[in-house]
Amino acid sequence: MPVMLSDSVIVGCLTEKRKFIFKNGHLIKRPDIVYYVKCVLYSTLHTMNNNTLESILKEADQAEKSQNFFQAAHLYKSALKKALKSANSETISFIKTKLVEMNQKSQKEFKSIEIEQELPQEKIDEIINRILNQGNLEKSLEAIGLCSGLCPQKKRITETYKKSMPLAFQLATLTTITDKGHMVKRGSDGEYSWFIEIYKINQGISETLLLKLFYQLMKSKKLDEKSLEQYLDDTKIFPANSLKILKIGIHHYFAEDYISALHILIPQFEGIFLHLSELLGIDTIALNQENGISTTTKTLSSLYLSSDKFTNAWGEDFCQQIDFVLFEPLGYKLRHRTAHGEISAEECNILTTSIMIYFFLVLAANIKTQETLS
């Protein structure tokens, strides 16, 4: 029987420390969007059904001893698939540990490729001037919340991303890992991974525009802690207790204490967003039938954000943006990482906190008064 061969590519999307330099209103350097890629050609005979779990583990051990950690990781992944069928918890636990270990050790074998983004400067300047020339701060903040240029258009990205997809993403086997060696959900889906990369580029352009807008408004002394709090207060759509906590987050934002600000703004946005969604007629009550019947407020998730009820109420683009920033494993995943203590101090910065401030402006601009929700 001839040996079956296949191209295998591992793409390690390492957790980014989103550092950048922003000086005098100009973005000097954006964080690079980097993939760590290794392409190899080797026998995949071990993936055939007639290979036993023991033989795959033996081959993985040999690869590890030869310091071929990339191949060892691939073999342990194949072994894990077989082990799951046996439901042997000790074996599964051993293989999981080895898989993560090999992923960590194989990172130094990767080569990096960068995706460059060209900013449409004329378009950005046009949008900035239009928003800044609204007449007063209230109208400018409302224009920010309604500006389509600050929210990537999912339909347009969906229609165009396939045209630029690298051959490796179309034909090869992909595995996406974090810097801790964990495999990322949907990281093996080449088409989806490339969609997220193109989305990330468009989101980066939106972030550049947002930072420039905030900088210009702050520079002109129009936007500060008190004026932003007053604007959100005047909308009358935020619950009193939530607004009280939100103002503390805003205080830390303007004090440049981005660690505190981000850890306050993210959960408050989730709670307020669900509260407003309920007022818009969306069912936000979760039913639990374990040990009797109980109810609670649903936890916001990618599943809910992609549902027709949420996209019809808030728009598909805004729901996709929330998902990318807060939940998407291949995106920023800020909600999960702040909630579970996985975010770095460097990632709690002016960029990530400004995105959360922007989310509140979208809510305020799209829902004027609580009476409209009744």
Protein backbone atom coordinates (compact mmCIF):
# COMPACT_ATOMS: atom_id res chain seq x y z
CA MET A 1 0.00 0.00 0.00
CA PRO A 2 1.43 3.41 -0.92
CA VAL A 3 2.06 5.88 1.88
CA MET A 4 -0.53 8.67 2.01
CA LEU A 5 0.98 12.14 2.19
CA SER A 6 -0.63 15.49 2.90
CA ASP A 7 0.45 19.07 3.46
CA SER A 8 0.03 20.14 7.06
CA VAL A 9 0.23 23.76 8.09
CA ILE A 10 0.00 24.97 11.64
CA VAL A 11 -1.00 28.54 12.22
CA GLY A 12 -0.32 29.75 15.71
CA CYS A 13 -2.30 32.88 16.42
CA LEU A 14 -0.39 33.89 19.53
CA THR A 15 -2.13 36.09 22.06
CA GLU A 16 -1.36 39.67 21.05
CA LYS A 17 -0.17 42.31 23.44
CA ARG A 18 -1.81 45.11 21.53
CA LYS A 19 0.83 47.78 21.93
CA PHE A 20 0.93 50.86 19.77
CA ILE A 21 2.23 54.40 19.77
CA PHE A 22 -0.28 57.22 19.57
CA LYS A 23 1.21 60.69 19.68
CA ASN A 24 -0.20 64.11 18.88
CA GLY A 25 -3.29 62.65 17.31
CA HIS A 26 -1.38 60.40 14.92
CA LEU A 27 -1.13 56.65 15.09
CA ILE A 28 2.60 56.06 14.75
CA LYS A 29 2.47 52.28 14.78
CA ARG A 30 -0.39 49.81 14.91
CA PRO A 31 0.07 46.37 16.44
CA ASP A 32 1.13 43.97 13.70
CA ILE A 33 -1.28 41.25 12.69
CA VAL A 34 1.01 38.24 12.68
CA TYR A 35 0.51 34.58 11.88
CA TYR A 36 3.12 32.04 12.91
CA VAL A 37 3.23 29.44 10.16
CA LYS A 38 5.11 26.20 9.63
CA CYS A 39 4.55 24.05 6.53
CA VAL A 40 5.72 20.46 6.49
CA LEU A 41 5.15 17.39 4.36
CA TYR A 42 5.11 14.08 6.18
CA SER A 43 3.38 10.72 6.34
CA THR A 44 -0.14 10.80 7.73
CA LEU A 45 -0.45 7.03 7.74
CA HIS A 46 -0.95 7.20 11.51
CA THR A 47 -4.33 8.89 10.99
CA MET A 48 -5.73 5.79 9.30
CA ASN A 49 -8.21 3.68 11.21
CA ASN A 50 -5.99 0.57 11.31
CA ASN A 51 -3.38 2.39 13.43
CA THR A 52 -3.83 1.75 17.14
CA LEU A 53 -3.74 4.39 19.85
CA GLU A 54 -0.61 2.78 21.26
CA SER A 55 1.24 3.00 17.94
CA ILE A 56 0.34 6.69 17.51
CA LEU A 57 1.51 7.48 21.05
CA LYS A 58 4.76 5.62 20.41
CA GLU A 59 5.36 7.63 17.24
CA ALA A 60 4.53 10.85 19.09
CA ASP A 61 7.00 9.97 21.83
CA GLN A 62 9.70 9.31 19.24
CA ALA A 63 9.00 12.65 17.56
CA GLU A 64 9.24 14.39 20.93
CA LYS A 65 12.55 12.72 21.76
CA SER A 66 13.84 13.83 18.35
CA GLN A 67 12.73 17.36 19.30
CA ASN A 68 10.32 17.46 16.38
CA PHE A 69 7.72 19.08 18.60
CA PHE A 70 5.53 20.25 15.74
CA GLN A 71 5.03 16.72 14.43
CA ALA A 72 4.66 15.42 17.99
CA ALA A 73 1.81 17.87 18.58
CA HIS A 74 0.10 16.72 15.40
CA LEU A 75 0.44 13.10 16.47
CA TYR A 76 -0.87 13.75 19.98
CA LYS A 77 -3.87 15.49 18.45
CA SER A 78 -4.55 12.37 16.35
CA ALA A 79 -4.12 10.22 19.44
CA LEU A 80 -6.56 12.39 21.37
CA LYS A 81 -9.26 11.78 18.79
CA LYS A 82 -8.86 8.03 19.23
CA ALA A 83 -8.63 8.24 23.01
CA LEU A 84 -11.91 10.14 23.24
CA LYS A 85 -13.67 7.11 21.75
CA SER A 86 -12.34 4.89 24.52
CA ALA A 87 -13.46 7.28 27.27
CA ASN A 88 -10.36 6.46 29.32
CA SER A 89 -10.04 9.55 31.48
CA GLU A 90 -6.43 8.92 32.55
CA THR A 91 -5.25 8.43 28.97
CA ILE A 92 -7.18 11.48 27.78
CA SER A 93 -5.70 13.61 30.57
CA PHE A 94 -2.16 12.46 29.69
CA ILE A 95 -2.58 13.17 25.98
CA LYS A 96 -4.14 16.60 26.58
CA THR A 97 -1.19 17.58 28.73
CA LYS A 98 1.33 16.36 26.16
CA LEU A 99 -0.51 18.11 23.33
CA VAL A 100 -0.39 21.48 25.08
CA GLU A 101 3.27 20.91 26.00
CA MET A 102 4.23 20.10 22.41
CA ASN A 103 2.32 23.10 21.09
CA GLN A 104 4.26 25.35 23.46
CA LYS A 105 7.62 23.84 22.52
CA SER A 106 6.90 23.97 18.78
CA GLN A 107 6.29 27.73 18.69
CA LYS A 108 9.98 28.49 18.15
CA GLU A 109 9.85 26.46 14.92
CA PHE A 110 7.30 28.82 13.38
CA LYS A 111 8.02 31.46 10.79
CA SER A 112 6.04 34.67 10.86
CA ILE A 113 4.13 36.26 8.03
CA GLU A 114 2.57 39.69 8.32
CA ILE A 115 -0.60 41.06 6.82
CA GLU A 116 -0.19 44.73 6.00
CA GLN A 117 -3.13 47.08 6.05
CA GLU A 118 -3.28 50.32 4.11
CA LEU A 119 -5.36 52.96 5.82
CA PRO A 120 -7.74 54.94 3.56
CA GLN A 121 -6.50 58.28 4.91
CA GLU A 122 -8.72 60.52 2.78
CA LYS A 123 -11.83 58.60 3.80
CA ILE A 124 -10.80 58.69 7.46
CA ASP A 125 -10.20 62.46 7.34
CA GLU A 126 -13.56 62.97 5.64
CA ILE A 127 -15.40 61.07 8.38
CA ILE A 128 -13.47 62.83 11.16
CA ASN A 129 -14.23 66.29 9.78
CA ARG A 130 -17.91 65.47 9.31
CA ILE A 131 -18.28 64.24 12.89
CA LEU A 132 -16.25 67.04 14.47
CA ASN A 133 -18.22 69.72 12.62
CA GLN A 134 -21.59 68.72 14.07
CA GLY A 135 -21.87 71.93 16.05
CA ASN A 136 -21.66 70.66 19.62
CA LEU A 137 -20.34 67.70 21.61
CA GLU A 138 -23.72 66.01 21.99
CA LYS A 139 -24.23 65.86 18.23
CA SER A 140 -20.65 64.68 17.67
CA LEU A 141 -21.03 61.83 20.17
CA GLU A 142 -24.33 60.87 18.60
CA ALA A 143 -22.69 60.88 15.17
CA ILE A 144 -19.96 58.58 16.49
CA GLY A 145 -22.58 56.16 17.74
CA LEU A 146 -24.33 56.15 14.36
CA CYS A 147 -21.22 56.16 12.14
CA SER A 148 -21.07 53.09 9.88
CA GLY A 149 -17.35 53.68 9.33
CA LEU A 150 -16.67 52.68 12.93
CA CYS A 151 -18.31 49.28 12.52
CA PRO A 152 -16.99 46.77 9.94
CA GLN A 153 -19.65 45.70 7.44
CA LYS A 154 -20.03 41.95 7.66
CA LYS A 155 -21.82 41.58 4.32
CA ARG A 156 -19.08 43.39 2.41
CA ILE A 157 -16.33 41.40 4.15
CA THR A 158 -18.18 38.14 3.48
CA GLU A 159 -18.44 39.00 -0.22
CA THR A 160 -14.75 39.87 -0.62
CA TYR A 161 -12.58 37.87 1.80
CA LYS A 162 -12.45 34.72 -0.37
CA LYS A 163 -10.75 36.64 -3.17
CA SER A 164 -7.68 37.27 -1.03
CA MET A 165 -7.50 33.93 0.79
CA PRO A 166 -3.98 32.40 0.68
CA LEU A 167 -3.69 28.94 -0.83
CA ALA A 168 -2.52 27.54 2.51
CA PHE A 169 -5.83 28.52 4.11
CA GLN A 170 -7.75 26.78 1.34
CA LEU A 171 -5.87 23.48 1.05
CA ALA A 172 -3.77 22.84 4.14
CA THR A 173 -4.60 21.62 7.61
CA LEU A 174 -4.67 24.53 10.03
CA THR A 175 -4.25 24.56 13.78
CA THR A 176 -4.47 27.80 15.73
CA ILE A 177 -2.92 27.92 19.18
CA THR A 178 -2.50 30.46 21.97
CA ASP A 179 0.82 31.38 23.52
CA LYS A 180 0.02 28.86 26.27
CA GLY A 181 -0.28 26.03 23.78
CA HIS A 182 -4.05 25.66 23.75
CA MET A 183 -5.82 24.98 20.47
CA VAL A 184 -8.35 27.68 19.59
CA LYS A 185 -11.94 26.90 18.70
CA ARG A 186 -12.56 26.98 14.92
CA GLY A 187 -8.84 27.54 14.41
CA SER A 188 -8.73 24.55 12.08
CA ASP A 189 -11.29 26.08 9.73
CA GLY A 190 -9.15 27.84 7.11
CA GLU A 191 -11.99 29.75 5.49
CA TYR A 192 -13.38 31.03 8.77
CA SER A 193 -9.90 31.88 10.07
CA TRP A 194 -9.24 34.00 7.01
CA PHE A 195 -12.63 35.73 7.35
CA ILE A 196 -11.65 36.69 10.90
CA GLU A 197 -8.29 38.03 9.71
CA ILE A 198 -9.96 40.23 7.11
CA TYR A 199 -12.48 41.33 9.72
CA LYS A 200 -9.59 42.16 12.06
CA ILE A 201 -8.05 44.41 9.42
CA ASN A 202 -11.32 46.28 8.96
CA GLN A 203 -11.76 46.53 12.71
CA GLY A 204 -8.25 47.97 12.93
CA ILE A 205 -9.18 50.72 10.48
CA SER A 206 -12.29 51.49 12.55
CA GLU A 207 -10.16 51.65 15.70
CA THR A 208 -7.73 54.09 14.10
CA LEU A 209 -10.65 56.33 13.18
CA LEU A 210 -12.14 56.05 16.68
CA LEU A 211 -8.88 56.95 18.43
CA LYS A 212 -8.39 59.98 16.19
CA LEU A 213 -11.94 61.16 16.91
CA PHE A 214 -11.56 60.80 20.68
CA TYR A 215 -8.17 62.52 20.57
CA GLN A 216 -9.51 65.51 18.64
CA LEU A 217 -12.53 65.85 20.94
CA MET A 218 -10.33 65.68 24.03
CA LYS A 219 -7.76 68.06 22.56
CA SER A 220 -10.45 70.66 21.93
CA LYS A 221 -11.50 70.33 25.59
CA LYS A 222 -14.99 69.28 24.53
CA LEU A 223 -14.78 65.67 25.69
CA ASP A 224 -13.86 64.95 29.28
CA GLU A 225 -15.11 62.84 32.15
CA LYS A 226 -17.91 65.17 33.17
CA SER A 227 -19.22 65.86 29.66
CA LEU A 228 -19.31 62.17 28.71
CA GLU A 229 -21.11 61.26 31.92
CA GLN A 230 -23.62 64.05 31.32
CA TYR A 231 -24.26 62.90 27.75
CA LEU A 232 -24.97 59.32 28.83
CA ASP A 233 -27.06 60.55 31.77
CA ASP A 234 -29.20 62.73 29.49
CA THR A 235 -30.18 59.77 27.30
CA LYS A 236 -32.31 58.38 30.17
CA ILE A 237 -31.86 54.82 28.88
CA PHE A 238 -29.39 53.47 31.43
CA PRO A 239 -30.59 51.99 34.75
CA ALA A 240 -29.57 54.20 37.68
CA ASN A 241 -27.40 51.59 39.41
CA SER A 242 -25.67 50.58 36.18
CA LEU A 243 -25.01 54.23 35.32
CA LYS A 244 -23.47 54.79 38.74
CA ILE A 245 -20.97 51.98 38.18
CA LEU A 246 -20.45 53.02 34.55
CA LYS A 247 -19.40 56.49 35.70
CA ILE A 248 -16.69 54.94 37.86
CA GLY A 249 -15.38 53.13 34.78
CA ILE A 250 -15.42 56.42 32.83
CA HIS A 251 -13.51 58.10 35.66
CA HIS A 252 -10.76 55.48 35.44
CA TYR A 253 -10.72 55.82 31.64
CA PHE A 254 -9.96 59.55 31.74
CA ALA A 255 -7.49 58.97 34.60
CA GLU A 256 -5.68 56.59 32.20
CA ASP A 257 -6.21 53.70 34.62
CA TYR A 258 -7.17 51.37 31.79
CA ILE A 259 -6.91 48.16 33.83
CA SER A 260 -9.64 49.29 36.22
CA ALA A 261 -11.68 50.90 33.45
CA LEU A 262 -11.79 47.81 31.25
CA HIS A 263 -12.74 45.48 34.10
CA ILE A 264 -15.66 47.78 34.94
CA LEU A 265 -16.84 48.69 31.43
CA ILE A 266 -17.07 45.15 30.00
CA PRO A 267 -19.50 43.62 32.54
CA GLN A 268 -21.53 46.84 32.69
CA PHE A 269 -21.91 46.84 28.92
CA GLU A 270 -23.10 43.22 28.96
CA GLY A 271 -25.69 43.96 31.65
CA ILE A 272 -26.94 47.18 30.06
CA PHE A 273 -27.04 45.64 26.57
CA LEU A 274 -29.19 42.75 27.83
CA HIS A 275 -31.41 45.15 29.77
CA LEU A 276 -32.06 47.26 26.69
CA SER A 277 -32.53 44.14 24.57
CA GLU A 278 -35.25 42.99 26.94
CA LEU A 279 -36.99 46.35 26.62
CA LEU A 280 -36.81 45.89 22.85
CA GLY A 281 -38.83 42.72 23.21
CA ILE A 282 -36.04 40.12 23.19
CA ASP A 283 -36.40 37.17 25.58
CA THR A 284 -33.41 37.44 27.95
CA ILE A 285 -34.64 34.99 30.60
CA ALA A 286 -32.76 31.71 30.96
CA LEU A 287 -34.60 28.66 32.29
CA ASN A 288 -32.82 26.07 34.43
CA GLN A 289 -34.62 22.79 35.16
CA GLU A 290 -31.84 21.12 37.13
CA ASN A 291 -32.94 20.44 40.73
CA GLY A 292 -36.28 22.06 40.10
CA ILE A 293 -37.21 25.07 37.99
CA SER A 294 -35.31 28.35 38.29
CA THR A 295 -34.83 31.39 36.08
CA THR A 296 -32.12 33.96 35.65
CA THR A 297 -30.94 36.53 33.12
CA LYS A 298 -29.21 34.97 30.13
CA THR A 299 -25.47 35.34 29.76
CA LEU A 300 -24.57 37.20 26.57
CA SER A 301 -22.82 34.95 24.07
CA SER A 302 -21.89 34.52 20.41
CA LEU A 303 -24.94 32.30 19.97
CA TYR A 304 -27.35 35.00 21.10
CA LEU A 305 -25.59 37.77 19.18
CA SER A 306 -25.90 35.82 15.93
CA SER A 307 -29.61 35.07 16.45
CA ASP A 308 -32.26 36.79 14.34
CA LYS A 309 -33.80 38.55 17.33
CA PHE A 310 -30.57 40.30 18.27
CA THR A 311 -29.44 41.10 14.71
CA ASN A 312 -32.90 42.43 13.79
CA ALA A 313 -32.93 44.68 16.85
CA TRP A 314 -29.33 45.90 16.86
CA GLY A 315 -28.11 45.25 13.32
CA GLU A 316 -25.93 42.42 12.08
CA ASP A 317 -22.79 44.57 11.89
CA PHE A 318 -22.95 45.81 15.49
CA CYS A 319 -23.70 42.32 16.82
CA GLN A 320 -20.72 40.94 14.87
CA GLN A 321 -18.48 43.67 16.26
CA ILE A 322 -19.56 42.98 19.84
CA ASP A 323 -18.94 39.29 19.27
CA PHE A 324 -15.48 39.88 17.77
CA VAL A 325 -14.37 42.17 20.59
CA LEU A 326 -15.88 40.31 23.54
CA PHE A 327 -16.35 36.63 22.63
CA GLU A 328 -14.73 35.46 19.37
CA PRO A 329 -11.89 32.99 20.19
CA LEU A 330 -9.97 34.16 17.09
CA GLY A 331 -10.77 37.79 17.92
CA TYR A 332 -10.06 39.83 21.06
CA LYS A 333 -12.25 37.75 23.43
CA LEU A 334 -12.05 40.52 26.03
CA ARG A 335 -15.07 39.39 28.04
CA HIS A 336 -13.74 35.89 28.65
CA ARG A 337 -10.18 36.99 29.27
CA THR A 338 -11.08 39.70 31.79
CA ALA A 339 -13.59 37.45 33.56
CA HIS A 340 -11.08 34.62 33.95
CA GLY A 341 -7.95 36.62 34.66
CA GLU A 342 -6.25 35.81 31.35
CA ILE A 343 -5.76 39.34 30.01
CA SER A 344 -2.39 41.06 30.29
CA ALA A 345 -1.88 44.52 31.74
CA GLU A 346 -0.59 45.73 28.36
CA GLU A 347 -3.87 44.81 26.69
CA CYS A 348 -5.80 47.00 29.11
CA ASN A 349 -4.97 50.16 27.18
CA ILE A 350 -6.50 53.21 25.57
CA LEU A 351 -7.52 51.19 22.51
CA THR A 352 -9.48 48.42 24.21
CA THR A 353 -11.15 50.79 26.67
CA SER A 354 -12.03 53.26 23.90
CA ILE A 355 -13.81 50.46 22.04
CA MET A 356 -15.95 49.83 25.12
CA ILE A 357 -16.73 53.55 25.46
CA TYR A 358 -17.74 53.50 21.79
CA PHE A 359 -20.13 50.58 22.42
CA PHE A 360 -21.99 52.70 25.00
CA LEU A 361 -22.19 55.57 22.49
CA VAL A 362 -23.81 53.19 19.98
CA LEU A 363 -26.44 52.24 22.55
CA ALA A 364 -27.08 55.89 23.43
CA ALA A 365 -27.33 57.02 19.80
CA ASN A 366 -29.64 54.24 18.68
CA ILE A 367 -32.08 54.43 21.59
CA LYS A 368 -33.00 57.97 22.48
CA THR A 369 -35.28 57.64 25.49
CA GLN A 370 -36.64 54.82 27.56
CA GLU A 371 -40.17 55.74 26.44
CA THR A 372 -39.31 54.50 22.92
CA LEU A 373 -38.62 51.08 24.39
CA SER A 374 -42.01 50.67 26.03
